[in-house]
All heavy atoms as atom14 arrays in JSON, in Angstrom:
{
  "sequence": "LGGGKNEEKKKYIIIGVLVLVIGCLIGLYIFNKKDNTNNDKQVK",
  "atom14_mask": [
    [1, 1, 1, 1, 1, 1, 1, 1, 0, 0, 0, 0, 0, 0],
    [1, 1, 1, 1, 0, 0, 0, 0, 0, 0, 0, 0, 0, 0],
    [1, 1, 1, 1, 0, 0, 0, 0, 0, 0, 0, 0, 0, 0],
    [1, 1, 1, 1, 0, 0, 0, 0, 0, 0, 0, 0, 0, 0],
    [1, 1, 1, 1, 1, 1, 1, 1, 1, 0, 0, 0, 0, 0],
    [1, 1, 1, 1, 1, 1, 1, 1, 0, 0, 0, 0, 0, 0],
    [1, 1, 1, 1, 1, 1, 1, 1, 1, 0, 0, 0, 0, 0],
    [1, 1, 1, 1, 1, 1, 1, 1, 1, 0, 0, 0, 0, 0],
    [1, 1, 1, 1, 1, 1, 1, 1, 1, 0, 0, 0, 0, 0],
    [1, 1, 1, 1, 1, 1, 1, 1, 1, 0, 0, 0, 0, 0],
    [1, 1, 1, 1, 1, 1, 1, 1, 1, 0, 0, 0, 0, 0],
    [1, 1, 1, 1, 1, 1, 1, 1, 1, 1, 1, 1, 0, 0],
    [1, 1, 1, 1, 1, 1, 1, 1, 0, 0, 0, 0, 0, 0],
    [1, 1, 1, 1, 1, 1, 1, 1, 0, 0, 0, 0, 0, 0],
    [1, 1, 1, 1, 1, 1, 1, 1, 0, 0, 0, 0, 0, 0],
    [1, 1, 1, 1, 0, 0, 0, 0, 0, 0, 0, 0, 0, 0],
    [1, 1, 1, 1, 1, 1, 1, 0, 0, 0, 0, 0, 0, 0],
    [1, 1, 1, 1, 1, 1, 1, 1, 0, 0, 0, 0, 0, 0],
    [1, 1, 1, 1, 1, 1, 1, 0, 0, 0, 0, 0, 0, 0],
    [1, 1, 1, 1, 1, 1, 1, 1, 0, 0, 0, 0, 0, 0],
    [1, 1, 1, 1, 1, 1, 1, 0, 0, 0, 0, 0, 0, 0],
    [1, 1, 1, 1, 1, 1, 1, 1, 0, 0, 0, 0, 0, 0],
    [1, 1, 1, 1, 0, 0, 0, 0, 0, 0, 0, 0, 0, 0],
    [1, 1, 1, 1, 1, 1, 0, 0, 0, 0, 0, 0, 0, 0],
    [1, 1, 1, 1, 1, 1, 1, 1, 0, 0, 0, 0, 0, 0],
    [1, 1, 1, 1, 1, 1, 1, 1, 0, 0, 0, 0, 0, 0],
    [1, 1, 1, 1, 0, 0, 0, 0, 0, 0, 0, 0, 0, 0],
    [1, 1, 1, 1, 1, 1, 1, 1, 0, 0, 0, 0, 0, 0],
    [1, 1, 1, 1, 1, 1, 1, 1, 1, 1, 1, 1, 0, 0],
    [1, 1, 1, 1, 1, 1, 1, 1, 0, 0, 0, 0, 0, 0],
    [1, 1, 1, 1, 1, 1, 1, 1, 1, 1, 1, 0, 0, 0],
    [1, 1, 1, 1, 1, 1, 1, 1, 0, 0, 0, 0, 0, 0],
    [1, 1, 1, 1, 1, 1, 1, 1, 1, 0, 0, 0, 0, 0],
    [1, 1, 1, 1, 1, 1, 1, 1, 1, 0, 0, 0, 0, 0],
    [1, 1, 1, 1, 1, 1, 1, 1, 0, 0, 0, 0, 0, 0],
    [1, 1, 1, 1, 1, 1, 1, 1, 0, 0, 0, 0, 0, 0],
    [1, 1, 1, 1, 1, 1, 1, 0, 0, 0, 0, 0, 0, 0],
    [1, 1, 1, 1, 1, 1, 1, 1, 0, 0, 0, 0, 0, 0],
    [1, 1, 1, 1, 1, 1, 1, 1, 0, 0, 0, 0, 0, 0],
    [1, 1, 1, 1, 1, 1, 1, 1, 0, 0, 0, 0, 0, 0],
    [1, 1, 1, 1, 1, 1, 1, 1, 1, 0, 0, 0, 0, 0],
    [1, 1, 1, 1, 1, 1, 1, 1, 1, 0, 0, 0, 0, 0],
    [1, 1, 1, 1, 1, 1, 1, 0, 0, 0, 0, 0, 0, 0],
    [1, 1, 1, 1, 1, 1, 1, 1, 1, 0, 0, 0, 0, 0]
  ],
  "atom14_positions": [
    [[-144.73, -16.75, 114.56], [-145.1, -17.63, 115.59], [-145.71, -16.83, 116.85], [-146.44, -17.21, 117.56], [-143.93, -18.52, 116.14], [-143.44, -19.45, 115.09], [-142.16, -20.27, 115.6], [-144.49, -20.47, 114.58], [0.0, 0.0, 0.0], [0.0, 0.0, 0.0], [0.0, 0.0, 0.0], [0.0, 0.0, 0.0], [0.0, 0.0, 0.0], [0.0, 0.0, 0.0]],
    [[-145.32, -15.6, 116.96], [-145.8, -14.8, 118.14], [-147.28, -14.47, 118.06], [-147.97, -14.33, 119.06], [0.0, 0.0, 0.0], [0.0, 0.0, 0.0], [0.0, 0.0, 0.0], [0.0, 0.0, 0.0], [0.0, 0.0, 0.0], [0.0, 0.0, 0.0], [0.0, 0.0, 0.0], [0.0, 0.0, 0.0], [0.0, 0.0, 0.0], [0.0, 0.0, 0.0]],
    [[-148.19, -14.41, 117.02], [-149.62, -14.03, 116.91], [-150.54, -15.26, 116.87], [-151.88, -15.1, 116.76], [0.0, 0.0, 0.0], [0.0, 0.0, 0.0], [0.0, 0.0, 0.0], [0.0, 0.0, 0.0], [0.0, 0.0, 0.0], [0.0, 0.0, 0.0], [0.0, 0.0, 0.0], [0.0, 0.0, 0.0], [0.0, 0.0, 0.0], [0.0, 0.0, 0.0]],
    [[-150.21, -16.53, 117.04], [-151.04, -17.62, 116.94], [-151.96, -17.83, 118.11], [-153.22, -18.19, 117.94], [0.0, 0.0, 0.0], [0.0, 0.0, 0.0], [0.0, 0.0, 0.0], [0.0, 0.0, 0.0], [0.0, 0.0, 0.0], [0.0, 0.0, 0.0], [0.0, 0.0, 0.0], [0.0, 0.0, 0.0], [0.0, 0.0, 0.0], [0.0, 0.0, 0.0]],
    [[-151.75, -17.46, 119.29], [-152.61, -17.69, 120.49], [-153.78, -16.74, 120.42], [-154.91, -17.08, 120.8], [-151.77, -17.39, 121.67], [-150.77, -18.57, 122.03], [-150.08, -18.24, 123.29], [-149.04, -19.43, 123.58], [-148.38, -19.22, 124.87], [0.0, 0.0, 0.0], [0.0, 0.0, 0.0], [0.0, 0.0, 0.0], [0.0, 0.0, 0.0], [0.0, 0.0, 0.0]],
    [[-153.66, -15.49, 119.94], [-154.78, -14.57, 119.84], [-155.89, -15.01, 118.94], [-157.03, -14.8, 119.09], [-154.21, -13.19, 119.48], [-153.39, -12.52, 120.57], [-153.65, -12.87, 121.8], [-152.38, -11.73, 120.24], [0.0, 0.0, 0.0], [0.0, 0.0, 0.0], [0.0, 0.0, 0.0], [0.0, 0.0, 0.0], [0.0, 0.0, 0.0], [0.0, 0.0, 0.0]],
    [[-155.48, -15.61, 117.84], [-156.38, -16.07, 116.86], [-157.23, -17.17, 117.41], [-158.41, -17.24, 117.16], [-155.66, -16.5, 115.51], [-154.99, -15.36, 114.78], [-156.02, -14.39, 114.23], [-157.2, -14.87, 113.91], [-155.76, -13.23, 114.05], [0.0, 0.0, 0.0], [0.0, 0.0, 0.0], [0.0, 0.0, 0.0], [0.0, 0.0, 0.0], [0.0, 0.0, 0.0]],
    [[-156.68, -18.02, 118.07], [-157.32, -19.22, 118.55], [-158.33, -18.74, 119.64], [-159.43, -19.23, 119.81], [-156.3, -20.18, 119.26], [-156.99, -21.48, 119.74], [-155.84, -22.43, 120.18], [-154.69, -22.16, 120.15], [-156.39, -23.55, 120.68], [0.0, 0.0, 0.0], [0.0, 0.0, 0.0], [0.0, 0.0, 0.0], [0.0, 0.0, 0.0], [0.0, 0.0, 0.0]],
    [[-157.94, -17.72, 120.52], [-158.83, -17.19, 121.51], [-160.09, -16.48, 120.91], [-161.26, -16.65, 121.33], [-158.09, -16.23, 122.36], [-158.88, -15.7, 123.55], [-157.99, -14.75, 124.3], [-158.69, -14.2, 125.47], [-157.87, -13.27, 126.36], [0.0, 0.0, 0.0], [0.0, 0.0, 0.0], [0.0, 0.0, 0.0], [0.0, 0.0, 0.0], [0.0, 0.0, 0.0]],
    [[-159.83, -15.83, 119.86], [-160.91, -15.1, 119.12], [-161.96, -16.08, 118.57], [-163.11, -15.85, 118.59], [-160.25, -14.37, 117.99], [-161.28, -13.34, 117.32], [-160.5, -12.52, 116.31], [-161.42, -11.56, 115.59], [-160.69, -10.81, 114.67], [0.0, 0.0, 0.0], [0.0, 0.0, 0.0], [0.0, 0.0, 0.0], [0.0, 0.0, 0.0], [0.0, 0.0, 0.0]],
    [[-161.45, -17.31, 118.08], [-162.23, -18.19, 117.49], [-163.18, -18.84, 118.56], [-164.36, -19.05, 118.3], [-161.31, -19.41, 116.98], [-162.06, -20.52, 116.31], [-161.05, -21.55, 115.83], [-161.68, -22.78, 115.26], [-160.77, -23.8, 114.74], [0.0, 0.0, 0.0], [0.0, 0.0, 0.0], [0.0, 0.0, 0.0], [0.0, 0.0, 0.0], [0.0, 0.0, 0.0]],
    [[-162.66, -19.09, 119.75], [-163.54, -19.64, 120.83], [-164.54, -18.63, 121.27], [-165.65, -19.03, 121.53], [-162.69, -20.04, 122.03], [-161.96, -21.32, 121.7], [-160.55, -21.3, 121.85], [-162.7, -22.58, 121.56], [-159.9, -22.53, 121.59], [-161.93, -23.65, 121.38], [-160.65, -23.69, 121.39], [-159.94, -24.87, 121.17], [0.0, 0.0, 0.0], [0.0, 0.0, 0.0]],
    [[-164.31, -17.37, 121.23], [-165.24, -16.34, 121.53], [-166.45, -16.32, 120.58], [-167.54, -16.3, 120.98], [-164.6, -14.87, 121.68], [-163.61, -14.95, 122.88], [-165.59, -13.86, 121.77], [-162.76, -13.69, 122.97], [0.0, 0.0, 0.0], [0.0, 0.0, 0.0], [0.0, 0.0, 0.0], [0.0, 0.0, 0.0], [0.0, 0.0, 0.0], [0.0, 0.0, 0.0]],
    [[-166.04, -16.51, 119.32], [-167.15, -16.39, 118.32], [-168.02, -17.62, 118.42], [-169.18, -17.54, 118.35], [-166.47, -16.39, 116.98], [-165.8, -15.01, 116.72], [-167.52, -16.59, 115.81], [-164.87, -14.89, 115.46], [0.0, 0.0, 0.0], [0.0, 0.0, 0.0], [0.0, 0.0, 0.0], [0.0, 0.0, 0.0], [0.0, 0.0, 0.0], [0.0, 0.0, 0.0]],
    [[-167.34, -18.82, 118.72], [-168.16, -19.96, 118.85], [-169.06, -19.82, 120.0], [-170.28, -20.28, 119.97], [-167.18, -21.2, 118.95], [-166.52, -21.45, 117.7], [-168.01, -22.51, 119.42], [-165.35, -22.52, 117.76], [0.0, 0.0, 0.0], [0.0, 0.0, 0.0], [0.0, 0.0, 0.0], [0.0, 0.0, 0.0], [0.0, 0.0, 0.0], [0.0, 0.0, 0.0]],
    [[-168.61, -19.33, 121.15], [-169.41, -19.16, 122.37], [-170.59, -18.28, 122.02], [-171.74, -18.56, 122.6], [0.0, 0.0, 0.0], [0.0, 0.0, 0.0], [0.0, 0.0, 0.0], [0.0, 0.0, 0.0], [0.0, 0.0, 0.0], [0.0, 0.0, 0.0], [0.0, 0.0, 0.0], [0.0, 0.0, 0.0], [0.0, 0.0, 0.0], [0.0, 0.0, 0.0]],
    [[-170.36, -17.21, 121.38], [-171.49, -16.21, 121.04], [-172.53, -16.98, 120.16], [-173.68, -16.8, 120.46], [-170.97, -14.93, 120.35], [-172.14, -14.13, 119.83], [-170.08, -14.17, 121.23], [0.0, 0.0, 0.0], [0.0, 0.0, 0.0], [0.0, 0.0, 0.0], [0.0, 0.0, 0.0], [0.0, 0.0, 0.0], [0.0, 0.0, 0.0], [0.0, 0.0, 0.0]],
    [[-172.07, -17.76, 119.26], [-172.99, -18.38, 118.34], [-173.83, -19.48, 119.17], [-175.08, -19.56, 118.95], [-172.24, -19.11, 117.15], [-171.57, -18.26, 116.14], [-170.73, -19.06, 115.21], [-172.67, -17.48, 115.35], [0.0, 0.0, 0.0], [0.0, 0.0, 0.0], [0.0, 0.0, 0.0], [0.0, 0.0, 0.0], [0.0, 0.0, 0.0], [0.0, 0.0, 0.0]],
    [[-173.13, -20.08, 120.06], [-173.97, -21.04, 120.88], [-174.94, -20.4, 121.72], [-176.13, -20.77, 121.84], [-172.95, -21.86, 121.82], [-173.7, -22.64, 122.76], [-172.07, -22.76, 120.88], [0.0, 0.0, 0.0], [0.0, 0.0, 0.0], [0.0, 0.0, 0.0], [0.0, 0.0, 0.0], [0.0, 0.0, 0.0], [0.0, 0.0, 0.0], [0.0, 0.0, 0.0]],
    [[-174.59, -19.25, 122.29], [-175.43, -18.41, 123.15], [-176.62, -17.93, 122.3], [-177.8, -18.1, 122.75], [-174.81, -17.27, 123.81], [-175.69, -16.35, 124.73], [-176.21, -17.15, 125.83], [-174.8, -15.22, 125.16], [0.0, 0.0, 0.0], [0.0, 0.0, 0.0], [0.0, 0.0, 0.0], [0.0, 0.0, 0.0], [0.0, 0.0, 0.0], [0.0, 0.0, 0.0]],
    [[-176.34, -17.47, 121.1], [-177.49, -16.94, 120.26], [-178.49, -18.08, 119.86], [-179.65, -18.0, 119.99], [-176.89, -16.27, 118.98], [-178.04, -16.03, 118.03], [-176.22, -15.0, 119.37], [0.0, 0.0, 0.0], [0.0, 0.0, 0.0], [0.0, 0.0, 0.0], [0.0, 0.0, 0.0], [0.0, 0.0, 0.0], [0.0, 0.0, 0.0], [0.0, 0.0, 0.0]],
    [[-177.77, -19.25, 119.56], [-178.69, -20.38, 119.08], [-179.45, -20.93, 120.25], [-180.63, -21.2, 120.16], [-177.73, -21.48, 118.63], [-177.04, -21.18, 117.26], [-178.57, -22.81, 118.45], [-175.98, -22.04, 116.77], [0.0, 0.0, 0.0], [0.0, 0.0, 0.0], [0.0, 0.0, 0.0], [0.0, 0.0, 0.0], [0.0, 0.0, 0.0], [0.0, 0.0, 0.0]],
    [[-178.93, -20.91, 121.52], [-179.71, -21.24, 122.68], [-180.79, -20.31, 122.94], [-181.91, -20.81, 123.37], [0.0, 0.0, 0.0], [0.0, 0.0, 0.0], [0.0, 0.0, 0.0], [0.0, 0.0, 0.0], [0.0, 0.0, 0.0], [0.0, 0.0, 0.0], [0.0, 0.0, 0.0], [0.0, 0.0, 0.0], [0.0, 0.0, 0.0], [0.0, 0.0, 0.0]],
    [[-180.58, -19.01, 122.82], [-181.69, -18.05, 122.96], [-182.83, -18.29, 121.99], [-183.96, -18.18, 122.29], [-181.15, -16.72, 122.82], [-180.12, -16.26, 124.28], [0.0, 0.0, 0.0], [0.0, 0.0, 0.0], [0.0, 0.0, 0.0], [0.0, 0.0, 0.0], [0.0, 0.0, 0.0], [0.0, 0.0, 0.0], [0.0, 0.0, 0.0], [0.0, 0.0, 0.0]],
    [[-182.41, -18.54, 120.71], [-183.34, -18.76, 119.72], [-184.17, -19.98, 120.01], [-185.47, -19.99, 119.81], [-182.66, -18.85, 118.34], [-182.08, -17.65, 117.82], [-181.24, -17.77, 116.45], [-183.1, -16.53, 117.59], [0.0, 0.0, 0.0], [0.0, 0.0, 0.0], [0.0, 0.0, 0.0], [0.0, 0.0, 0.0], [0.0, 0.0, 0.0], [0.0, 0.0, 0.0]],
    [[-183.54, -20.99, 120.43], [-184.16, -22.34, 120.75], [-185.2, -22.12, 121.85], [-186.3, -22.53, 121.91], [-183.2, -23.45, 121.08], [-182.45, -23.75, 119.78], [-183.89, -24.7, 121.6], [-181.27, -24.81, 120.05], [0.0, 0.0, 0.0], [0.0, 0.0, 0.0], [0.0, 0.0, 0.0], [0.0, 0.0, 0.0], [0.0, 0.0, 0.0], [0.0, 0.0, 0.0]],
    [[-184.67, -21.37, 122.95], [-185.59, -21.11, 124.12], [-186.8, -20.28, 123.72], [-187.85, -20.55, 124.22], [0.0, 0.0, 0.0], [0.0, 0.0, 0.0], [0.0, 0.0, 0.0], [0.0, 0.0, 0.0], [0.0, 0.0, 0.0], [0.0, 0.0, 0.0], [0.0, 0.0, 0.0], [0.0, 0.0, 0.0], [0.0, 0.0, 0.0], [0.0, 0.0, 0.0]],
    [[-186.5, -19.26, 122.93], [-187.62, -18.45, 122.49], [-188.65, -19.19, 121.64], [-189.87, -19.06, 121.8], [-187.12, -17.32, 121.64], [-188.12, -16.19, 121.15], [-188.88, -15.58, 122.36], [-187.45, -15.23, 120.32], [0.0, 0.0, 0.0], [0.0, 0.0, 0.0], [0.0, 0.0, 0.0], [0.0, 0.0, 0.0], [0.0, 0.0, 0.0], [0.0, 0.0, 0.0]],
    [[-188.11, -20.1, 120.85], [-189.03, -20.95, 120.08], [-189.86, -21.86, 120.9], [-191.11, -22.11, 120.76], [-188.21, -21.82, 119.08], [-188.98, -22.91, 118.36], [-189.82, -22.52, 117.22], [-188.93, -24.17, 118.69], [-190.5, -23.5, 116.6], [-189.63, -25.23, 118.04], [-190.39, -24.77, 116.97], [-191.17, -25.79, 116.28], [0.0, 0.0, 0.0], [0.0, 0.0, 0.0]],
    [[-189.19, -22.52, 121.86], [-189.92, -23.39, 122.77], [-190.96, -22.62, 123.55], [-192.16, -23.06, 123.79], [-189.0, -24.15, 123.73], [-188.1, -25.09, 122.86], [-189.71, -24.91, 124.83], [-186.96, -25.68, 123.77], [0.0, 0.0, 0.0], [0.0, 0.0, 0.0], [0.0, 0.0, 0.0], [0.0, 0.0, 0.0], [0.0, 0.0, 0.0], [0.0, 0.0, 0.0]],
    [[-190.6, -21.45, 124.03], [-191.58, -20.65, 124.88], [-192.84, -20.24, 124.0], [-193.92, -20.31, 124.43], [-190.81, -19.36, 125.37], [-191.73, -18.45, 126.08], [-192.09, -18.65, 127.42], [-192.3, -17.35, 125.4], [-193.01, -17.77, 128.1], [-193.09, -16.4, 126.11], [-193.38, -16.72, 127.49], [0.0, 0.0, 0.0], [0.0, 0.0, 0.0], [0.0, 0.0, 0.0]],
    [[-192.48, -19.77, 122.71], [-193.67, -19.38, 121.92], [-194.56, -20.57, 121.56], [-195.76, -20.46, 121.44], [-193.09, -18.72, 120.59], [-192.52, -17.39, 120.87], [-192.94, -16.64, 121.82], [-191.55, -16.91, 119.99], [0.0, 0.0, 0.0], [0.0, 0.0, 0.0], [0.0, 0.0, 0.0], [0.0, 0.0, 0.0], [0.0, 0.0, 0.0], [0.0, 0.0, 0.0]],
    [[-193.87, -21.74, 121.29], [-194.66, -22.96, 120.98], [-195.62, -23.35, 122.17], [-196.78, -23.71, 122.0], [-193.75, -24.08, 120.65], [-194.51, -25.33, 120.15], [-193.49, -26.36, 119.71], [-194.22, -27.57, 119.15], [-195.03, -27.29, 118.05], [0.0, 0.0, 0.0], [0.0, 0.0, 0.0], [0.0, 0.0, 0.0], [0.0, 0.0, 0.0], [0.0, 0.0, 0.0]],
    [[-195.09, -23.21, 123.37], [-195.89, -23.58, 124.57], [-197.03, -22.63, 124.81], [-198.12, -22.92, 125.15], [-194.96, -23.59, 125.83], [-195.62, -23.99, 127.12], [-194.61, -24.06, 128.22], [-195.38, -24.46, 129.58], [-194.44, -24.51, 130.62], [0.0, 0.0, 0.0], [0.0, 0.0, 0.0], [0.0, 0.0, 0.0], [0.0, 0.0, 0.0], [0.0, 0.0, 0.0]],
    [[-196.76, -21.26, 124.55], [-197.78, -20.24, 124.77], [-198.84, -20.43, 123.76], [-200.03, -20.28, 124.01], [-197.16, -18.87, 124.59], [-198.13, -17.75, 124.97], [-198.63, -17.74, 126.11], [-198.39, -16.94, 124.05], [0.0, 0.0, 0.0], [0.0, 0.0, 0.0], [0.0, 0.0, 0.0], [0.0, 0.0, 0.0], [0.0, 0.0, 0.0], [0.0, 0.0, 0.0]],
    [[-198.49, -20.77, 122.48], [-199.46, -20.98, 121.45], [-200.33, -22.17, 121.75], [-201.47, -22.28, 121.43], [-198.81, -21.26, 120.07], [-198.26, -19.87, 119.58], [-198.67, -18.79, 119.92], [-197.23, -19.92, 118.7], [0.0, 0.0, 0.0], [0.0, 0.0, 0.0], [0.0, 0.0, 0.0], [0.0, 0.0, 0.0], [0.0, 0.0, 0.0], [0.0, 0.0, 0.0]],
    [[-199.71, -23.23, 122.37], [-200.45, -24.46, 122.75], [-201.48, -24.1, 123.78], [-202.67, -24.54, 123.77], [-199.5, -25.45, 123.34], [-198.54, -25.78, 122.36], [-200.25, -26.81, 123.72], [0.0, 0.0, 0.0], [0.0, 0.0, 0.0], [0.0, 0.0, 0.0], [0.0, 0.0, 0.0], [0.0, 0.0, 0.0], [0.0, 0.0, 0.0], [0.0, 0.0, 0.0]],
    [[-201.09, -23.22, 124.79], [-202.07, -22.8, 125.82], [-203.21, -22.09, 125.19], [-204.43, -22.21, 125.57], [-201.37, -22.0, 126.84], [-200.47, -22.83, 127.74], [-200.6, -24.03, 127.88], [-199.47, -22.18, 128.42], [0.0, 0.0, 0.0], [0.0, 0.0, 0.0], [0.0, 0.0, 0.0], [0.0, 0.0, 0.0], [0.0, 0.0, 0.0], [0.0, 0.0, 0.0]],
    [[-202.84, -21.11, 124.25], [-203.89, -20.36, 123.56], [-204.89, -21.34, 122.8], [-206.1, -21.05, 122.78], [-203.29, -19.4, 122.61], [-202.69, -18.22, 123.39], [-203.02, -17.91, 124.54], [-201.7, -17.56, 122.7], [0.0, 0.0, 0.0], [0.0, 0.0, 0.0], [0.0, 0.0, 0.0], [0.0, 0.0, 0.0], [0.0, 0.0, 0.0], [0.0, 0.0, 0.0]],
    [[-204.23, -22.31, 122.2], [-205.1, -23.25, 121.47], [-206.08, -23.99, 122.43], [-207.23, -24.21, 122.19], [-204.19, -24.31, 120.71], [-203.57, -23.69, 119.56], [-203.97, -22.53, 119.13], [-202.6, -24.27, 119.01], [0.0, 0.0, 0.0], [0.0, 0.0, 0.0], [0.0, 0.0, 0.0], [0.0, 0.0, 0.0], [0.0, 0.0, 0.0], [0.0, 0.0, 0.0]],
    [[-205.56, -24.29, 123.63], [-206.33, -25.0, 124.53], [-207.54, -24.04, 125.08], [-208.64, -24.48, 125.3], [-205.63, -25.36, 125.85], [-204.74, -26.61, 125.52], [-203.93, -27.03, 126.71], [-203.09, -28.28, 126.51], [-202.43, -28.71, 127.79], [0.0, 0.0, 0.0], [0.0, 0.0, 0.0], [0.0, 0.0, 0.0], [0.0, 0.0, 0.0], [0.0, 0.0, 0.0]],
    [[-207.25, -22.74, 125.16], [-208.24, -21.72, 125.64], [-209.33, -21.52, 124.63], [-210.51, -21.42, 124.98], [-207.6, -20.51, 126.1], [-208.56, -19.47, 126.62], [-207.83, -18.2, 127.12], [-206.68, -18.2, 127.44], [-208.49, -17.11, 127.17], [0.0, 0.0, 0.0], [0.0, 0.0, 0.0], [0.0, 0.0, 0.0], [0.0, 0.0, 0.0], [0.0, 0.0, 0.0]],
    [[-209.02, -21.46, 123.42], [-209.85, -21.01, 122.32], [-210.6, -22.3, 121.77], [-211.82, -22.2, 121.5], [-209.15, -20.28, 121.25], [-210.07, -19.96, 120.08], [-208.52, -18.97, 121.73], [0.0, 0.0, 0.0], [0.0, 0.0, 0.0], [0.0, 0.0, 0.0], [0.0, 0.0, 0.0], [0.0, 0.0, 0.0], [0.0, 0.0, 0.0], [0.0, 0.0, 0.0]],
    [[-209.98, -23.31, 121.74], [-210.55, -24.53, 121.13], [-211.41, -25.15, 122.19], [-210.94, -25.69, 123.29], [-209.55, -25.5, 120.65], [-210.17, -26.69, 119.89], [-209.03, -27.54, 119.36], [-209.55, -28.73, 118.54], [-208.51, -29.59, 118.01], [0.0, 0.0, 0.0], [0.0, 0.0, 0.0], [0.0, 0.0, 0.0], [0.0, 0.0, 0.0], [0.0, 0.0, 0.0]]
  ]
}
C-alpha cells in the first residue's frame, strides 16, 4: 500500500505530455494548412 500514490502521479504526467504533444501537432498542422492556403492564393 505504500507505493500506490507515485504510480498515479506518473500516470498523470504521461497523459499531460501526450496532450501537449498532440496540441503542438494540431497547431503545427493548422499553421501549415493556413500557410499553404496563402501560397495557393498567391500562385493561383
